[in-house]
């Protein structure tokens, strides 16, 4: 795979990791503010639960592609530690191909959510729902690219030489 493409994708991933961290920080602040106003001022903020839910979605979906590239997804370590050589590479390919298949299904579905969201407003904040659904589409698009980059990086791994 072209090194320039990978380089620029890593830059995009750095930006997505930063945005994911900002979403986490904002989510914590909104939940703290909601807790403070509910138990100290005895007033509940009607928009805070919705905003924290949307920030959670942003955090997860924009950070998911970074987790794929860093290899931080859930795995069964006993299988990965037991397999060696070509068997380990085959298992990695099968795992990545399954993830690509599932990701394509979610990407396809999220495309229709964006179209559907153009007719809806969020209940409390009254923002267009297509903006939230667009984050879902963007997250799965970046995850698909990360899976493809990861697939090509596995093909560059040469199995260790056999001992005599």
Protein backbone atom coordinates (compact mmCIF):
# COMPACT_ATOMS: atom_id res chain seq x y z
CA UNK A 1 0.00 0.00 0.00
CA UNK A 2 1.21 3.50 -0.77
CA UNK A 3 3.10 4.97 2.20
CA UNK A 4 1.68 8.46 1.53
CA UNK A 5 -1.87 7.17 1.95
CA UNK A 6 -0.97 5.43 5.19
CA UNK A 7 0.85 8.54 6.43
CA UNK A 8 -2.15 10.80 5.81
CA UNK A 9 -4.55 8.26 7.24
CA UNK A 10 -2.45 8.17 10.43
CA UNK A 11 -2.76 11.97 10.58
CA UNK A 12 -6.55 11.64 10.26
CA UNK A 13 -6.49 9.02 13.00
CA UNK A 14 -4.54 11.36 15.27
CA UNK A 15 -7.23 14.00 14.72
CA UNK A 16 -9.99 11.45 15.41
CA UNK A 17 -8.25 10.34 18.60
CA UNK A 18 -8.09 13.97 19.72
CA UNK A 19 -11.76 14.53 18.88
CA UNK A 20 -12.64 11.34 20.74
CA UNK A 21 -10.77 12.59 23.80
CA UNK A 22 -12.51 15.97 23.60
CA UNK A 23 -15.88 14.18 23.37
CA UNK A 24 -15.00 12.19 26.51
CA UNK A 25 -14.04 15.35 28.39
CA UNK A 26 -17.21 17.15 27.32
CA UNK A 27 -19.32 14.15 28.25
CA UNK A 28 -17.83 14.07 31.75
CA UNK A 29 -18.42 17.82 32.14
CA UNK A 30 -22.04 17.60 30.98
CA UNK A 31 -22.77 14.69 33.33
CA UNK A 32 -21.09 16.54 36.20
CA UNK A 33 -23.15 19.66 35.42
CA UNK A 34 -26.34 17.62 35.29
CA UNK A 35 -25.53 15.95 38.61
CA UNK A 36 -24.71 19.29 40.21
CA UNK A 37 -27.87 21.01 39.01
CA UNK A 38 -30.09 18.07 39.94
CA UNK A 39 -28.83 17.56 43.48
CA UNK A 40 -27.69 21.06 44.48
CA UNK A 41 -29.96 23.45 42.61
CA UNK A 42 -32.83 20.92 42.32
CA UNK A 43 -33.27 21.61 38.62
CA UNK A 44 -32.76 19.06 35.89
CA UNK A 45 -31.23 20.08 32.56
CA UNK A 46 -33.47 18.60 29.85
CA UNK A 47 -30.75 18.50 27.16
CA UNK A 48 -27.88 17.03 29.16
CA UNK A 49 -28.80 13.36 28.85
CA UNK A 50 -29.24 13.62 25.10
CA UNK A 51 -25.97 15.52 24.65
CA UNK A 52 -24.03 13.04 26.78
CA UNK A 53 -25.47 10.16 24.74
CA UNK A 54 -24.41 11.81 21.47
CA UNK A 55 -20.95 12.57 22.84
CA UNK A 56 -20.63 8.92 23.85
CA UNK A 57 -21.46 7.85 20.29
CA UNK A 58 -18.92 10.34 18.91
CA UNK A 59 -16.25 9.13 21.31
CA UNK A 60 -16.76 5.45 20.47
CA UNK A 61 -17.13 5.71 16.71
CA UNK A 62 -14.32 8.18 16.11
CA UNK A 63 -11.97 6.24 18.37
CA UNK A 64 -12.83 2.81 16.98
CA UNK A 65 -10.56 3.12 13.94
CA UNK A 66 -7.65 4.11 16.18
CA UNK A 67 -8.21 0.99 18.27
CA UNK A 68 -8.18 -1.15 15.13
CA UNK A 69 -4.82 0.28 14.01
CA UNK A 70 -3.24 -0.09 17.44
CA UNK A 71 -4.49 -3.66 17.81
CA UNK A 72 -6.50 -2.81 20.92
CA UNK A 73 -9.63 -4.72 19.99
CA UNK A 74 -10.86 -7.62 22.09
CA UNK A 75 -9.08 -10.89 21.34
CA UNK A 76 -8.60 -14.26 22.90
CA UNK A 77 -4.95 -14.12 23.97
CA UNK A 78 -4.60 -17.85 24.48
CA UNK A 79 -5.29 -18.41 20.77
CA UNK A 80 -2.96 -15.61 19.65
CA UNK A 81 -0.17 -16.82 21.95
CA UNK A 82 -0.58 -20.47 20.96
CA UNK A 83 -0.47 -20.00 17.19
CA UNK A 84 2.80 -19.42 15.38
CA UNK A 85 3.88 -18.63 11.83
CA UNK A 86 1.42 -19.10 8.97
CA UNK A 87 -1.42 -20.29 11.22
CA UNK A 88 -1.29 -17.03 13.15
CA UNK A 89 -1.35 -15.00 9.91
CA UNK A 90 -4.33 -17.01 8.62
CA UNK A 91 -6.26 -16.39 11.84
CA UNK A 92 -5.47 -12.67 11.60
CA UNK A 93 -6.75 -12.58 8.01
CA UNK A 94 -9.96 -14.42 8.95
CA UNK A 95 -10.50 -12.04 11.86
CA UNK A 96 -9.94 -8.99 9.65
CA UNK A 97 -12.15 -10.30 6.84
CA UNK A 98 -14.99 -10.93 9.30
CA UNK A 99 -14.54 -7.40 10.68
CA UNK A 100 -14.56 -5.95 7.15
CA UNK A 101 -17.77 -7.83 6.34
CA UNK A 102 -19.53 -6.63 9.51
CA UNK A 103 -18.22 -3.11 9.00
CA UNK A 104 -19.56 -2.97 5.44
CA UNK A 105 -23.01 -3.98 6.71
CA UNK A 106 -22.94 -1.21 9.35
CA UNK A 107 -21.61 1.31 6.83
CA UNK A 108 -24.37 0.47 4.38
CA UNK A 109 -27.01 0.76 7.10
CA UNK A 110 -25.64 4.05 8.41
CA UNK A 111 -25.85 5.55 4.91
CA UNK A 112 -29.62 5.11 5.01
CA UNK A 113 -29.76 6.48 8.54
CA UNK A 114 -28.21 9.74 7.29
CA UNK A 115 -30.93 10.01 4.64
CA UNK A 116 -33.63 9.22 7.20
CA UNK A 117 -32.19 11.70 9.70
CA UNK A 118 -32.74 14.62 7.36
CA UNK A 119 -36.43 14.42 8.28
CA UNK A 120 -35.96 14.33 12.05
CA UNK A 121 -34.88 16.63 14.87
CA UNK A 122 -33.52 15.40 18.17
CA UNK A 123 -36.16 15.59 20.92
CA UNK A 124 -34.46 17.81 23.50
CA UNK A 125 -31.82 19.78 21.61
CA UNK A 126 -33.71 20.12 18.30
CA UNK A 127 -30.63 19.47 16.17
CA UNK A 128 -30.98 17.60 12.86
CA UNK A 129 -30.50 13.88 13.40
CA UNK A 130 -28.55 13.52 10.17
CA UNK A 131 -25.61 15.22 11.91
CA UNK A 132 -25.51 12.45 14.53
CA UNK A 133 -26.01 9.76 11.90
CA UNK A 134 -23.26 11.33 9.81
CA UNK A 135 -20.85 10.72 12.70
CA UNK A 136 -21.86 7.05 12.62
CA UNK A 137 -21.25 6.90 8.87
CA UNK A 138 -17.88 8.65 9.25
CA UNK A 139 -16.84 6.34 12.09
CA UNK A 140 -17.58 3.18 10.13
CA UNK A 141 -15.94 4.62 7.00
CA UNK A 142 -12.73 5.32 8.91
CA UNK A 143 -12.92 1.90 10.54
CA UNK A 144 -13.22 0.23 7.15
CA UNK A 145 -10.16 2.12 5.92
CA UNK A 146 -8.28 1.12 9.09
CA UNK A 147 -9.20 -2.53 8.51
CA UNK A 148 -7.98 -2.36 4.91
CA UNK A 149 -4.70 -0.74 5.97
CA UNK A 150 -4.34 -3.38 8.68
CA UNK A 151 -4.96 -6.16 6.15
CA UNK A 152 -2.20 -4.86 3.88
CA UNK A 153 0.17 -4.44 6.81
CA UNK A 154 -0.27 -8.11 7.72
CA UNK A 155 0.68 -9.11 4.18
CA UNK A 156 3.99 -7.29 4.68
CA UNK A 157 4.85 -9.53 7.63
CA UNK A 158 7.16 -12.34 6.68
CA UNK A 159 6.91 -15.52 8.71
CA UNK A 160 9.98 -16.42 10.74
CA UNK A 161 12.54 -18.75 9.17
CA UNK A 162 12.30 -22.39 10.15
CA UNK A 163 15.01 -23.71 12.42
CA UNK A 164 17.13 -26.63 11.22
